Amino acid sequence: MMHLSLNRLSDLLKQKRNEKKITQEQLCEKTGINRNMIGRIERMTYIPTIPQLEKLAEVLAFHIEELFVEDHNPGVYTAFRGSYMTSEERRGAEHLMDMMVAAKQQIMLRKALNHEA
């Protein structure tokens, strides 16, 4: 199973911005993504939406597929271990749940937009 790596996203954004010699503010202007959100993406405290990822990939010239990594710790395992998880595992599970909710919202939004078209 693959998942979005916030580490890869953060590193790639910083690398591509440095290569193109643009600031977070300039990236904000080119993508329409709030500068604070760009900073949060780089600090790994915000998961961008699919349209935001697409815009970042377009402006910074990278493929979104580069951001995904193989998940060696499936969510099923953490679900079975719920009461025995360490605080670090619990934070990881909470993060996974946040990502799942965001993905569900994106899927619902995409379906709604496709029905309107």
C-alpha atoms as a PDB file:
ATOM      1  CA  MET A   1       0.000   0.000   0.000  1.00  0.00           C
ATOM      2  CA  MET A   2       1.287   3.475  -0.882  1.00  0.00           C
ATOM      3  CA  HIS A   3       0.833   6.687   1.061  1.00  0.00           C
ATOM      4  CA  LEU A   4       1.749  10.337   0.670  1.00  0.00           C
ATOM      5  CA  SER A   5       5.063  11.084   2.374  1.00  0.00           C
ATOM      6  CA  LEU A   6       4.947  14.460   4.076  1.00  0.00           C
ATOM      7  CA  ASN A   7       8.740  14.216   4.472  1.00  0.00           C
ATOM      8  CA  ARG A   8       9.202  13.836   0.716  1.00  0.00           C
ATOM      9  CA  LEU A   9       6.744  16.626   0.004  1.00  0.00           C
ATOM     10  CA  SER A  10       8.480  18.981   2.430  1.00  0.00           C
ATOM     11  CA  ASP A  11      11.951  18.173   1.098  1.00  0.00           C
ATOM     12  CA  LEU A  12      10.839  18.405  -2.527  1.00  0.00           C
ATOM     13  CA  LEU A  13       9.137  21.780  -2.050  1.00  0.00           C
ATOM     14  CA  LYS A  14      12.226  23.253  -0.394  1.00  0.00           C
ATOM     15  CA  GLN A  15      14.537  21.732  -3.018  1.00  0.00           C
ATOM     16  CA  LYS A  16      12.463  22.914  -5.988  1.00  0.00           C
ATOM     17  CA  ARG A  17      12.014  26.404  -4.522  1.00  0.00           C
ATOM     18  CA  ASN A  18      15.779  26.661  -4.009  1.00  0.00           C
ATOM     19  CA  GLU A  19      16.490  25.402  -7.539  1.00  0.00           C
ATOM     20  CA  LYS A  20      14.098  27.986  -8.985  1.00  0.00           C
ATOM     21  CA  LYS A  21      15.304  30.634  -6.502  1.00  0.00           C
ATOM     22  CA  ILE A  22      11.794  31.539  -5.385  1.00  0.00           C
ATOM     23  CA  THR A  23      10.519  32.400  -1.927  1.00  0.00           C
ATOM     24  CA  GLN A  24       7.429  31.024  -0.224  1.00  0.00           C
ATOM     25  CA  GLU A  25       5.730  34.347  -1.040  1.00  0.00           C
ATOM     26  CA  GLN A  26       6.567  33.996  -4.735  1.00  0.00           C
ATOM     27  CA  LEU A  27       5.330  30.389  -4.703  1.00  0.00           C
ATOM     28  CA  CYS A  28       2.129  31.684  -3.097  1.00  0.00           C
ATOM     29  CA  GLU A  29       1.655  34.137  -5.973  1.00  0.00           C
ATOM     30  CA  LYS A  30       2.310  31.461  -8.621  1.00  0.00           C
ATOM     31  CA  THR A  31       0.045  28.801  -7.079  1.00  0.00           C
ATOM     32  CA  GLY A  32      -2.635  30.781  -5.278  1.00  0.00           C
ATOM     33  CA  ILE A  33      -1.869  28.794  -2.121  1.00  0.00           C
ATOM     34  CA  ASN A  34      -1.624  30.900   1.027  1.00  0.00           C
ATOM     35  CA  ARG A  35       1.997  31.495   2.067  1.00  0.00           C
ATOM     36  CA  ASN A  36       1.241  30.253   5.589  1.00  0.00           C
ATOM     37  CA  MET A  37      -0.048  26.977   4.107  1.00  0.00           C
ATOM     38  CA  ILE A  38       3.136  26.619   2.047  1.00  0.00           C
ATOM     39  CA  GLY A  39       5.150  27.091   5.242  1.00  0.00           C
ATOM     40  CA  ARG A  40       3.019  24.502   7.020  1.00  0.00           C
ATOM     41  CA  ILE A  41       3.490  22.037   4.154  1.00  0.00           C
ATOM     42  CA  GLU A  42       7.250  22.525   4.425  1.00  0.00           C
ATOM     43  CA  ARG A  43       7.052  22.012   8.215  1.00  0.00           C
ATOM     44  CA  MET A  44       4.867  18.905   7.661  1.00  0.00           C
ATOM     45  CA  THR A  45       1.962  20.279   9.698  1.00  0.00           C
ATOM     46  CA  TYR A  46      -0.515  20.546   6.805  1.00  0.00           C
ATOM     47  CA  ILE A  47      -1.692  18.022   4.219  1.00  0.00           C
ATOM     48  CA  PRO A  48      -2.453  19.811   0.964  1.00  0.00           C
ATOM     49  CA  THR A  49      -5.571  19.077  -1.034  1.00  0.00           C
ATOM     50  CA  ILE A  50      -5.365  17.311  -4.384  1.00  0.00           C
ATOM     51  CA  PRO A  51      -5.802  20.584  -6.348  1.00  0.00           C
ATOM     52  CA  GLN A  52      -3.073  22.188  -4.233  1.00  0.00           C
ATOM     53  CA  LEU A  53      -0.726  19.251  -4.917  1.00  0.00           C
ATOM     54  CA  GLU A  54      -1.505  19.493  -8.627  1.00  0.00           C
ATOM     55  CA  LYS A  55      -0.755  23.226  -8.688  1.00  0.00           C
ATOM     56  CA  LEU A  56       2.502  22.790  -6.744  1.00  0.00           C
ATOM     57  CA  ALA A  57       3.579  20.013  -9.127  1.00  0.00           C
ATOM     58  CA  GLU A  58       2.754  22.180 -12.131  1.00  0.00           C
ATOM     59  CA  VAL A  59       4.597  25.277 -10.886  1.00  0.00           C
ATOM     60  CA  LEU A  60       7.615  23.450  -9.419  1.00  0.00           C
ATOM     61  CA  ALA A  61       7.812  20.836 -12.212  1.00  0.00           C
ATOM     62  CA  PHE A  62       7.614  17.547 -10.340  1.00  0.00           C
ATOM     63  CA  HIS A  63       5.430  14.448 -10.564  1.00  0.00           C
ATOM     64  CA  ILE A  64       3.014  13.831  -7.695  1.00  0.00           C
ATOM     65  CA  GLU A  65       3.863  10.118  -7.874  1.00  0.00           C
ATOM     66  CA  GLU A  66       7.322  11.009  -6.485  1.00  0.00           C
ATOM     67  CA  LEU A  67       5.668  11.850  -3.168  1.00  0.00           C
ATOM     68  CA  PHE A  68       4.280   8.391  -2.463  1.00  0.00           C
ATOM     69  CA  VAL A  69       6.101   5.681  -0.531  1.00  0.00           C
ATOM     70  CA  GLU A  70       5.370   2.064   0.297  1.00  0.00           C
ATOM     71  CA  ASP A  71       3.571   1.750   3.620  1.00  0.00           C
ATOM     72  CA  HIS A  72       5.330  -0.896   5.700  1.00  0.00           C
ATOM     73  CA  ASN A  73       3.066  -0.327   8.716  1.00  0.00           C
ATOM     74  CA  PRO A  74      -0.488  -0.998   7.541  1.00  0.00           C
ATOM     75  CA  GLY A  75      -3.334   0.717   9.383  1.00  0.00           C
ATOM     76  CA  VAL A  76      -4.958  -2.639  10.143  1.00  0.00           C
ATOM     77  CA  TYR A  77      -2.082  -3.473  12.465  1.00  0.00           C
ATOM     78  CA  THR A  78      -2.526  -0.260  14.465  1.00  0.00           C
ATOM     79  CA  ALA A  79      -6.282  -0.835  14.633  1.00  0.00           C
ATOM     80  CA  PHE A  80      -5.772  -4.216  16.293  1.00  0.00           C
ATOM     81  CA  ARG A  81      -3.167  -2.813  18.642  1.00  0.00           C
ATOM     82  CA  GLY A  82      -5.173   0.296  19.641  1.00  0.00           C
ATOM     83  CA  SER A  83      -5.023  -0.157  23.393  1.00  0.00           C
ATOM     84  CA  TYR A  84      -1.368  -1.211  23.353  1.00  0.00           C
ATOM     85  CA  MET A  85       0.067   1.540  21.159  1.00  0.00           C
ATOM     86  CA  THR A  86       2.898   3.770  22.291  1.00  0.00           C
ATOM     87  CA  SER A  87       2.277   7.528  22.204  1.00  0.00           C
ATOM     88  CA  GLU A  88       4.284   7.713  18.965  1.00  0.00           C
ATOM     89  CA  GLU A  89       2.176   4.963  17.356  1.00  0.00           C
ATOM     90  CA  ARG A  90      -0.991   6.694  18.585  1.00  0.00           C
ATOM     91  CA  ARG A  91       0.103   9.999  16.954  1.00  0.00           C
ATOM     92  CA  GLY A  92       0.804   8.074  13.739  1.00  0.00           C
ATOM     93  CA  ALA A  93      -2.653   6.503  13.858  1.00  0.00           C
ATOM     94  CA  GLU A  94      -4.260   9.907  14.444  1.00  0.00           C
ATOM     95  CA  HIS A  95      -2.308  11.299  11.507  1.00  0.00           C
ATOM     96  CA  LEU A  96      -3.450   8.381   9.350  1.00  0.00           C
ATOM     97  CA  MET A  97      -7.059   9.061  10.316  1.00  0.00           C
ATOM     98  CA  ASP A  98      -6.665  12.757   9.422  1.00  0.00           C
ATOM     99  CA  MET A  99      -5.262  11.753   6.026  1.00  0.00           C
ATOM    100  CA  MET A 100      -8.139   9.311   5.452  1.00  0.00           C
ATOM    101  CA  VAL A 101     -10.729  11.994   6.259  1.00  0.00           C
ATOM    102  CA  ALA A 102      -8.988  14.465   3.925  1.00  0.00           C
ATOM    103  CA  ALA A 103      -8.854  11.851   1.153  1.00  0.00           C
ATOM    104  CA  LYS A 104     -12.560  11.018   1.618  1.00  0.00           C
ATOM    105  CA  GLN A 105     -13.431  14.715   1.380  1.00  0.00           C
ATOM    106  CA  GLN A 106     -11.379  15.038  -1.796  1.00  0.00           C
ATOM    107  CA  ILE A 107     -13.100  12.015  -3.355  1.00  0.00           C
ATOM    108  CA  MET A 108     -16.532  13.379  -2.497  1.00  0.00           C
ATOM    109  CA  LEU A 109     -15.609  16.798  -3.900  1.00  0.00           C
ATOM    110  CA  ARG A 110     -14.268  15.265  -7.118  1.00  0.00           C
ATOM    111  CA  LYS A 111     -17.444  13.185  -7.542  1.00  0.00           C
ATOM    112  CA  ALA A 112     -19.629  16.250  -6.978  1.00  0.00           C
ATOM    113  CA  LEU A 113     -17.616  18.287  -9.484  1.00  0.00           C
ATOM    114  CA  ASN A 114     -17.785  15.496 -12.076  1.00  0.00           C
ATOM    115  CA  HIS A 115     -21.570  15.272 -11.737  1.00  0.00           C
ATOM    116  CA  GLU A 116     -21.899  19.032 -12.337  1.00  0.00           C
ATOM    117  CA  ALA A 117     -19.767  18.895 -15.508  1.00  0.00           C
END
